């Protein structure tokens, strides 16, 4: 049993994690939201799970380091400066950062990387995602995770091959698709928990890798599993693939 503290406890994911912990045999050490005392929560926890906001990341990292406990980061919308801060903190405590805590998505990203590594650049890659109307970041953290997997398989940097928003203010004529591009399309509406497809389109054939999240509890289960797995690890930066030993 692990004592799990939740940062961002009033959000959708925070509430989902808190609801499922008793079923999984874990204890809710407490939760904080914006303006809460995360350092005090860290002192009462075996591990922190952060689903708050990018603006809170630095304080959450400091709290984990101060208490000497692991931190699972599921917050999306992170920028390069946030990742540098995570790298620095990971020298002191174990940190698992991911754009998606679903075990299914974790395996999917592995398969996407393997396929991209074996197919040439004449296979075009497009990533399509849809989420509920309230989601604020686009593309989703999961879509970017899948894009990174595809780019890694090809041995390239995603930032140098990413394409999105081909509409150009609805002008229509955007030119041909760039060779080797990894395209993104983000859809928003309704109450969709998460839909992701990775399309690899070759000449007269097409592969589609897809994942459907039917309920937010799948992410909560994955986050709890990641938190338990992280306890006792050496300082360093980990991913959900490490949890599944991929």
C-alpha atoms as a PDB file:
ATOM      1  CA  UNK A   1       0.000   0.000   0.000  1.00  0.00           C
ATOM      2  CA  UNK A   2       1.271   3.443  -0.925  1.00  0.00           C
ATOM      3  CA  UNK A   3       0.320   6.811   0.542  1.00  0.00           C
ATOM      4  CA  UNK A   4      -0.343   8.871  -2.572  1.00  0.00           C
ATOM      5  CA  UNK A   5      -0.646  12.650  -2.503  1.00  0.00           C
ATOM      6  CA  UNK A   6      -2.480  14.337  -5.368  1.00  0.00           C
ATOM      7  CA  UNK A   7      -1.520  17.755  -6.716  1.00  0.00           C
ATOM      8  CA  UNK A   8      -4.446  19.137  -8.683  1.00  0.00           C
ATOM      9  CA  UNK A   9      -6.904  17.200  -6.555  1.00  0.00           C
ATOM     10  CA  UNK A  10      -9.967  19.217  -7.623  1.00  0.00           C
ATOM     11  CA  UNK A  11      -9.432  18.596 -11.335  1.00  0.00           C
ATOM     12  CA  UNK A  12     -10.995  15.784 -13.339  1.00  0.00           C
ATOM     13  CA  UNK A  13      -7.939  13.548 -13.107  1.00  0.00           C
ATOM     14  CA  UNK A  14      -7.280  14.357  -9.472  1.00  0.00           C
ATOM     15  CA  UNK A  15     -10.805  13.340  -8.529  1.00  0.00           C
ATOM     16  CA  UNK A  16     -10.594  10.174 -10.634  1.00  0.00           C
ATOM     17  CA  UNK A  17      -7.370   9.096  -8.952  1.00  0.00           C
ATOM     18  CA  UNK A  18      -8.724   9.778  -5.457  1.00  0.00           C
ATOM     19  CA  UNK A  19     -11.854   7.746  -6.219  1.00  0.00           C
ATOM     20  CA  UNK A  20      -9.979   4.673  -7.390  1.00  0.00           C
ATOM     21  CA  UNK A  21      -7.214   4.442  -4.770  1.00  0.00           C
ATOM     22  CA  UNK A  22      -9.226   2.421  -2.189  1.00  0.00           C
ATOM     23  CA  UNK A  23     -10.081  -0.161  -4.855  1.00  0.00           C
ATOM     24  CA  UNK A  24      -6.383  -0.544  -5.655  1.00  0.00           C
ATOM     25  CA  UNK A  25      -5.384  -0.881  -2.003  1.00  0.00           C
ATOM     26  CA  UNK A  26      -3.675   2.509  -1.712  1.00  0.00           C
ATOM     27  CA  UNK A  27      -4.203   5.354   0.753  1.00  0.00           C
ATOM     28  CA  UNK A  28      -4.998   8.924  -0.212  1.00  0.00           C
ATOM     29  CA  UNK A  29      -2.449  10.965   1.723  1.00  0.00           C
ATOM     30  CA  UNK A  30      -4.302  14.147   0.826  1.00  0.00           C
ATOM     31  CA  UNK A  31      -4.663  16.596  -2.009  1.00  0.00           C
ATOM     32  CA  UNK A  32      -3.949  20.202  -2.836  1.00  0.00           C
ATOM     33  CA  UNK A  33      -5.064  22.513  -5.578  1.00  0.00           C
ATOM     34  CA  UNK A  34      -4.035  26.019  -6.604  1.00  0.00           C
ATOM     35  CA  UNK A  35      -2.636  27.876  -3.606  1.00  0.00           C
ATOM     36  CA  UNK A  36      -2.396  24.742  -1.454  1.00  0.00           C
ATOM     37  CA  UNK A  37       0.597  23.726   0.657  1.00  0.00           C
ATOM     38  CA  UNK A  38       2.242  21.131  -1.578  1.00  0.00           C
ATOM     39  CA  UNK A  39       5.318  20.888   0.671  1.00  0.00           C
ATOM     40  CA  UNK A  40       3.146  19.798   3.599  1.00  0.00           C
ATOM     41  CA  UNK A  41       1.386  17.250   1.378  1.00  0.00           C
ATOM     42  CA  UNK A  42       4.748  15.874   0.238  1.00  0.00           C
ATOM     43  CA  UNK A  43       5.824  15.344   3.847  1.00  0.00           C
ATOM     44  CA  UNK A  44       2.716  13.202   4.432  1.00  0.00           C
ATOM     45  CA  UNK A  45       3.081  11.110   1.257  1.00  0.00           C
ATOM     46  CA  UNK A  46       5.170   8.254  -0.110  1.00  0.00           C
ATOM     47  CA  UNK A  47       4.807   9.652  -3.631  1.00  0.00           C
ATOM     48  CA  UNK A  48       3.160  12.645  -5.309  1.00  0.00           C
ATOM     49  CA  UNK A  49       1.036  12.529  -8.453  1.00  0.00           C
ATOM     50  CA  UNK A  50       0.792  15.861 -10.271  1.00  0.00           C
ATOM     51  CA  UNK A  51      -2.108  16.665 -12.588  1.00  0.00           C
ATOM     52  CA  UNK A  52      -2.187  20.404 -11.949  1.00  0.00           C
ATOM     53  CA  UNK A  53      -0.828  22.998 -14.385  1.00  0.00           C
ATOM     54  CA  UNK A  54       2.527  23.890 -15.949  1.00  0.00           C
ATOM     55  CA  UNK A  55       2.670  27.015 -13.789  1.00  0.00           C
ATOM     56  CA  UNK A  56       2.749  24.875 -10.638  1.00  0.00           C
ATOM     57  CA  UNK A  57       5.462  22.506 -11.798  1.00  0.00           C
ATOM     58  CA  UNK A  58       8.458  24.253 -10.212  1.00  0.00           C
ATOM     59  CA  UNK A  59       6.857  24.328  -6.757  1.00  0.00           C
ATOM     60  CA  UNK A  60       5.845  20.676  -7.065  1.00  0.00           C
ATOM     61  CA  UNK A  61       9.385  19.659  -8.031  1.00  0.00           C
ATOM     62  CA  UNK A  62      10.823  21.545  -5.058  1.00  0.00           C
ATOM     63  CA  UNK A  63       8.316  19.910  -2.712  1.00  0.00           C
ATOM     64  CA  UNK A  64       9.222  16.415  -3.920  1.00  0.00           C
ATOM     65  CA  UNK A  65      12.938  17.143  -3.558  1.00  0.00           C
ATOM     66  CA  UNK A  66      12.443  18.642  -0.101  1.00  0.00           C
ATOM     67  CA  UNK A  67      10.566  15.553   1.117  1.00  0.00           C
ATOM     68  CA  UNK A  68      12.845  13.143  -0.758  1.00  0.00           C
ATOM     69  CA  UNK A  69       9.936  11.378  -2.450  1.00  0.00           C
ATOM     70  CA  UNK A  70       9.136  10.378  -6.053  1.00  0.00           C
ATOM     71  CA  UNK A  71       6.907  12.444  -8.338  1.00  0.00           C
ATOM     72  CA  UNK A  72       4.642  11.336 -11.179  1.00  0.00           C
ATOM     73  CA  UNK A  73       3.929  14.195 -13.596  1.00  0.00           C
ATOM     74  CA  UNK A  74       0.881  13.821 -15.821  1.00  0.00           C
ATOM     75  CA  UNK A  75       0.406  17.532 -16.442  1.00  0.00           C
ATOM     76  CA  UNK A  76       0.320  18.356 -20.165  1.00  0.00           C
ATOM     77  CA  UNK A  77       1.177  21.542 -22.042  1.00  0.00           C
ATOM     78  CA  UNK A  78       4.774  21.512 -20.785  1.00  0.00           C
ATOM     79  CA  UNK A  79       7.400  23.565 -22.595  1.00  0.00           C
ATOM     80  CA  UNK A  80      11.127  23.053 -23.025  1.00  0.00           C
ATOM     81  CA  UNK A  81      11.901  25.051 -19.862  1.00  0.00           C
ATOM     82  CA  UNK A  82       9.667  22.712 -17.862  1.00  0.00           C
ATOM     83  CA  UNK A  83      11.502  19.682 -19.188  1.00  0.00           C
ATOM     84  CA  UNK A  84      14.834  21.242 -18.241  1.00  0.00           C
ATOM     85  CA  UNK A  85      13.505  21.741 -14.700  1.00  0.00           C
ATOM     86  CA  UNK A  86      12.400  18.101 -14.594  1.00  0.00           C
ATOM     87  CA  UNK A  87      15.844  16.969 -15.762  1.00  0.00           C
ATOM     88  CA  UNK A  88      17.451  18.978 -12.964  1.00  0.00           C
ATOM     89  CA  UNK A  89      15.078  17.635 -10.297  1.00  0.00           C
ATOM     90  CA  UNK A  90      15.537  14.052 -11.498  1.00  0.00           C
ATOM     91  CA  UNK A  91      19.123  14.180 -10.275  1.00  0.00           C
ATOM     92  CA  UNK A  92      17.746  14.248  -6.735  1.00  0.00           C
ATOM     93  CA  UNK A  93      14.553  12.161  -6.820  1.00  0.00           C
ATOM     94  CA  UNK A  94      12.884   9.667  -9.185  1.00  0.00           C
ATOM     95  CA  UNK A  95      10.466  11.396 -11.562  1.00  0.00           C
ATOM     96  CA  UNK A  96       8.136   9.831 -14.100  1.00  0.00           C
ATOM     97  CA  UNK A  97       6.803  12.304 -16.656  1.00  0.00           C
ATOM     98  CA  UNK A  98       4.305  11.317 -19.325  1.00  0.00           C
ATOM     99  CA  UNK A  99       1.677  12.793 -21.609  1.00  0.00           C
ATOM    100  CA  UNK A 100      -0.620   9.849 -20.874  1.00  0.00           C
ATOM    101  CA  UNK A 101      -0.781   7.327 -18.020  1.00  0.00           C
ATOM    102  CA  UNK A 102      -2.873   4.774 -19.934  1.00  0.00           C
ATOM    103  CA  UNK A 103      -1.173   1.395 -20.200  1.00  0.00           C
ATOM    104  CA  UNK A 104      -2.816   0.931 -23.605  1.00  0.00           C
ATOM    105  CA  UNK A 105      -1.386   4.197 -24.931  1.00  0.00           C
ATOM    106  CA  UNK A 106       2.011   3.230 -23.544  1.00  0.00           C
ATOM    107  CA  UNK A 107       1.979   0.019 -25.564  1.00  0.00           C
ATOM    108  CA  UNK A 108       0.576   1.868 -28.599  1.00  0.00           C
ATOM    109  CA  UNK A 109       3.481   4.334 -28.576  1.00  0.00           C
ATOM    110  CA  UNK A 110       5.890   1.391 -28.556  1.00  0.00           C
ATOM    111  CA  UNK A 111       4.166  -0.148 -31.587  1.00  0.00           C
ATOM    112  CA  UNK A 112       4.155   3.195 -33.425  1.00  0.00           C
ATOM    113  CA  UNK A 113       7.883   3.591 -32.858  1.00  0.00           C
ATOM    114  CA  UNK A 114       8.547   0.075 -34.102  1.00  0.00           C
ATOM    115  CA  UNK A 115       6.443   0.589 -37.244  1.00  0.00           C
ATOM    116  CA  UNK A 116       8.008   3.972 -38.026  1.00  0.00           C
ATOM    117  CA  UNK A 117      11.471   2.446 -37.698  1.00  0.00           C
ATOM    118  CA  UNK A 118      10.684  -0.193 -40.298  1.00  0.00           C
ATOM    119  CA  UNK A 119       8.766   1.868 -42.853  1.00  0.00           C
ATOM    120  CA  UNK A 120      10.443   4.486 -45.018  1.00  0.00           C
ATOM    121  CA  UNK A 121       9.638   8.183 -45.354  1.00  0.00           C
ATOM    122  CA  UNK A 122       7.378   7.383 -48.295  1.00  0.00           C
ATOM    123  CA  UNK A 123       4.892   6.263 -45.619  1.00  0.00           C
ATOM    124  CA  UNK A 124       3.191   9.460 -44.478  1.00  0.00           C
ATOM    125  CA  UNK A 125       2.363   9.744 -40.772  1.00  0.00           C
ATOM    126  CA  UNK A 126      -0.715  11.614 -39.521  1.00  0.00           C
ATOM    127  CA  UNK A 127      -1.897  11.765 -35.896  1.00  0.00           C
ATOM    128  CA  UNK A 128      -5.552  12.572 -35.227  1.00  0.00           C
ATOM    129  CA  UNK A 129      -6.909  13.186 -31.725  1.00  0.00           C
ATOM    130  CA  UNK A 130     -10.255  14.198 -30.246  1.00  0.00           C
ATOM    131  CA  UNK A 131     -11.085  15.336 -26.718  1.00  0.00           C
ATOM    132  CA  UNK A 132     -13.909  16.962 -24.769  1.00  0.00           C
ATOM    133  CA  UNK A 133     -14.818  20.593 -25.356  1.00  0.00           C
ATOM    134  CA  UNK A 134     -13.072  21.796 -22.184  1.00  0.00           C
ATOM    135  CA  UNK A 135      -9.548  20.641 -23.053  1.00  0.00           C
ATOM    136  CA  UNK A 136      -7.281  23.666 -23.348  1.00  0.00           C
ATOM    137  CA  UNK A 137      -4.074  22.368 -24.996  1.00  0.00           C
ATOM    138  CA  UNK A 138      -3.729  21.134 -28.575  1.00  0.00           C
ATOM    139  CA  UNK A 139      -2.348  18.876 -29.841  1.00  0.00           C
ATOM    140  CA  UNK A 140      -2.893  16.778 -26.755  1.00  0.00           C
ATOM    141  CA  UNK A 141       0.009  15.537 -24.684  1.00  0.00           C
ATOM    142  CA  UNK A 142      -0.842  12.040 -25.874  1.00  0.00           C
ATOM    143  CA  UNK A 143      -0.733  13.066 -29.531  1.00  0.00           C
ATOM    144  CA  UNK A 144       2.688  14.619 -28.976  1.00  0.00           C
ATOM    145  CA  UNK A 145       3.818  11.479 -27.155  1.00  0.00           C
ATOM    146  CA  UNK A 146       2.800   9.416 -30.193  1.00  0.00           C
ATOM    147  CA  UNK A 147       4.495  11.911 -32.498  1.00  0.00           C
ATOM    148  CA  UNK A 148       7.696  11.633 -30.486  1.00  0.00           C
ATOM    149  CA  UNK A 149       7.465   7.836 -30.766  1.00  0.00           C
ATOM    150  CA  UNK A 150       7.130   8.076 -34.558  1.00  0.00           C
ATOM    151  CA  UNK A 151       9.998  10.563 -34.794  1.00  0.00           C
ATOM    152  CA  UNK A 152      12.192   8.394 -32.569  1.00  0.00           C
ATOM    153  CA  UNK A 153      11.490   5.397 -34.785  1.00  0.00           C
ATOM    154  CA  UNK A 154      12.677   7.402 -37.772  1.00  0.00           C
ATOM    155  CA  UNK A 155      15.683   8.776 -35.915  1.00  0.00           C
ATOM    156  CA  UNK A 156      14.640  12.426 -36.304  1.00  0.00           C
ATOM    157  CA  UNK A 157      13.538  15.307 -34.065  1.00  0.00           C
ATOM    158  CA  UNK A 158       9.781  15.865 -33.948  1.00  0.00           C
ATOM    159  CA  UNK A 159      10.191  19.647 -33.757  1.00  0.00           C
ATOM    160  CA  UNK A 160      11.869  19.629 -37.160  1.00  0.00           C
ATOM    161  CA  UNK A 161       9.207  17.492 -38.877  1.00  0.00           C
ATOM    162  CA  UNK A 162       5.945  18.485 -37.170  1.00  0.00           C
ATOM    163  CA  UNK A 163       3.056  19.857 -39.258  1.00  0.00           C
ATOM    164  CA  UNK A 164      -0.317  21.094 -38.039  1.00  0.00           C
ATOM    165  CA  UNK A 165      -2.966  23.659 -38.912  1.00  0.00           C
ATOM    166  CA  UNK A 166      -2.774  23.275 -42.677  1.00  0.00           C
ATOM    167  CA  UNK A 167      -5.808  25.525 -43.164  1.00  0.00           C
ATOM    168  CA  UNK A 168      -3.767  28.759 -43.131  1.00  0.00           C
ATOM    169  CA  UNK A 169      -6.774  30.881 -42.127  1.00  0.00           C
ATOM    170  CA  UNK A 170      -8.969  28.833 -44.477  1.00  0.00           C
ATOM    171  CA  UNK A 171      -6.998  29.964 -47.508  1.00  0.00           C
ATOM    172  CA  UNK A 172      -7.142  26.436 -48.854  1.00  0.00           C
ATOM    173  CA  UNK A 173      -3.929  26.210 -50.930  1.00  0.00           C
ATOM    174  CA  UNK A 174      -1.164  25.081 -48.590  1.00  0.00           C
ATOM    175  CA  UNK A 175       1.075  23.183 -50.977  1.00  0.00           C
ATOM    176  CA  UNK A 176       2.006  19.525 -51.046  1.00  0.00           C
ATOM    177  CA  UNK A 177       2.718  17.551 -47.938  1.00  0.00           C
ATOM    178  CA  UNK A 178       6.385  17.864 -46.933  1.00  0.00           C
ATOM    179  CA  UNK A 179       8.361  14.607 -47.260  1.00  0.00           C
ATOM    180  CA  UNK A 180       8.950  13.037 -43.853  1.00  0.00           C
ATOM    181  CA  UNK A 181       6.432  15.281 -42.111  1.00  0.00           C
ATOM    182  CA  UNK A 182       4.518  14.073 -39.063  1.00  0.00           C
ATOM    183  CA  UNK A 183       1.103  15.724 -39.186  1.00  0.00           C
ATOM    184  CA  UNK A 184      -1.290  16.538 -36.345  1.00  0.00           C
ATOM    185  CA  UNK A 185      -5.028  17.240 -36.313  1.00  0.00           C
ATOM    186  CA  UNK A 186      -6.868  18.160 -33.092  1.00  0.00           C
ATOM    187  CA  UNK A 187     -10.652  17.850 -32.728  1.00  0.00           C
ATOM    188  CA  UNK A 188     -12.672  19.136 -29.748  1.00  0.00           C
ATOM    189  CA  UNK A 189     -16.269  18.507 -28.763  1.00  0.00           C
ATOM    190  CA  UNK A 190     -18.721  16.852 -26.420  1.00  0.00           C
ATOM    191  CA  UNK A 191     -17.499  14.742 -23.537  1.00  0.00           C
ATOM    192  CA  UNK A 192     -14.910  12.588 -25.339  1.00  0.00           C
ATOM    193  CA  UNK A 193     -12.372  11.258 -22.822  1.00  0.00           C
ATOM    194  CA  UNK A 194      -9.764  10.659 -25.517  1.00  0.00           C
ATOM    195  CA  UNK A 195      -9.498   9.248 -29.048  1.00  0.00           C
ATOM    196  CA  UNK A 196      -6.149   8.878 -30.809  1.00  0.00           C
ATOM    197  CA  UNK A 197      -5.257   7.448 -34.207  1.00  0.00           C
ATOM    198  CA  UNK A 198      -1.874   7.199 -35.888  1.00  0.00           C
ATOM    199  CA  UNK A 199      -2.254   6.734 -39.626  1.00  0.00           C
ATOM    200  CA  UNK A 200       0.659   5.515 -41.710  1.00  0.00           C
ATOM    201  CA  UNK A 201      -0.255   5.914 -45.361  1.00  0.00           C
ATOM    202  CA  UNK A 202       1.888   4.288 -48.025  1.00  0.00           C
ATOM    203  CA  UNK A 203       1.332   3.718 -51.726  1.00  0.00           C
ATOM    204  CA  UNK A 204      -1.977   1.881 -52.092  1.00  0.00           C
ATOM    205  CA  UNK A 205      -1.931   0.645 -48.499  1.00  0.00           C
ATOM    206  CA  UNK A 206      -2.492   2.132 -45.069  1.00  0.00           C
ATOM    207  CA  UNK A 207      -1.922   1.193 -41.438  1.00  0.00           C
ATOM    208  CA  UNK A 208      -3.995   2.671 -38.606  1.00  0.00           C
ATOM    209  CA  UNK A 209      -3.079   2.362 -34.939  1.00  0.00           C
ATOM    210  CA  UNK A 210      -5.882   3.527 -32.646  1.00  0.00           C
ATOM    211  CA  UNK A 211      -6.801   3.833 -28.983  1.00  0.00           C
ATOM    212  CA  UNK A 212     -10.131   4.790 -27.405  1.00  0.00           C
ATOM    213  CA  UNK A 213     -10.434   5.897 -23.791  1.00  0.00           C
ATOM    214  CA  UNK A 214     -13.914   4.940 -22.630  1.00  0.00           C
ATOM    215  CA  UNK A 215     -13.558   6.367 -19.144  1.00  0.00           C
ATOM    216  CA  UNK A 216     -11.079   8.596 -17.304  1.00  0.00           C
ATOM    217  CA  UNK A 217     -10.542   5.827 -14.751  1.00  0.00           C
ATOM    218  CA  UNK A 218      -8.051   4.118 -17.116  1.00  0.00           C
ATOM    219  CA  UNK A 219      -5.706   7.073 -16.684  1.00  0.00           C
ATOM    220  CA  UNK A 220      -6.230   7.023 -12.918  1.00  0.00           C
ATOM    221  CA  UNK A 221      -5.338   3.324 -12.758  1.00  0.00           C
ATOM    222  CA  UNK A 222      -2.224   3.894 -14.813  1.00  0.00           C
ATOM    223  CA  UNK A 223      -1.172   6.851 -12.673  1.00  0.00           C
ATOM    224  CA  UNK A 224      -1.574   4.815  -9.484  1.00  0.00           C
ATOM    225  CA  UNK A 225       0.421   1.940 -10.962  1.00  0.00           C
ATOM    226  CA  UNK A 226       3.169   4.344 -12.025  1.00  0.00           C
ATOM    227  CA  UNK A 227       3.238   5.913  -8.546  1.00  0.00           C
ATOM    228  CA  UNK A 228       3.588   2.549  -6.817  1.00  0.00           C
ATOM    229  CA  UNK A 229       6.270   1.437  -9.291  1.00  0.00           C
ATOM    230  CA  UNK A 230       8.291   4.636  -8.752  1.00  0.00           C
ATOM    231  CA  UNK A 231       8.621   4.213  -4.973  1.00  0.00           C
ATOM    232  CA  UNK A 232      12.093   2.998  -4.088  1.00  0.00           C
ATOM    233  CA  UNK A 233      13.635   3.734  -7.496  1.00  0.00           C
ATOM    234  CA  UNK A 234      16.936   5.520  -7.896  1.00  0.00           C
ATOM    235  CA  UNK A 235      16.839   9.219  -8.790  1.00  0.00           C
ATOM    236  CA  UNK A 236      16.343   9.674 -12.506  1.00  0.00           C
ATOM    237  CA  UNK A 237      13.803  10.411 -15.189  1.00  0.00           C
ATOM    238  CA  UNK A 238      11.399   7.595 -16.064  1.00  0.00           C
ATOM    239  CA  UNK A 239       8.500   6.999 -18.456  1.00  0.00           C
ATOM    240  CA  UNK A 240       5.448   4.756 -18.573  1.00  0.00           C
ATOM    241  CA  UNK A 241       7.421   2.436 -20.840  1.00  0.00           C
ATOM    242  CA  UNK A 242       9.686   1.707 -17.878  1.00  0.00           C
ATOM    243  CA  UNK A 243       6.628   0.649 -15.881  1.00  0.00           C
ATOM    244  CA  UNK A 244       5.748  -1.912 -18.588  1.00  0.00           C
ATOM    245  CA  UNK A 245       9.424  -2.844 -19.116  1.00  0.00           C
ATOM    246  CA  UNK A 246       9.284  -1.966 -22.823  1.00  0.00           C
END
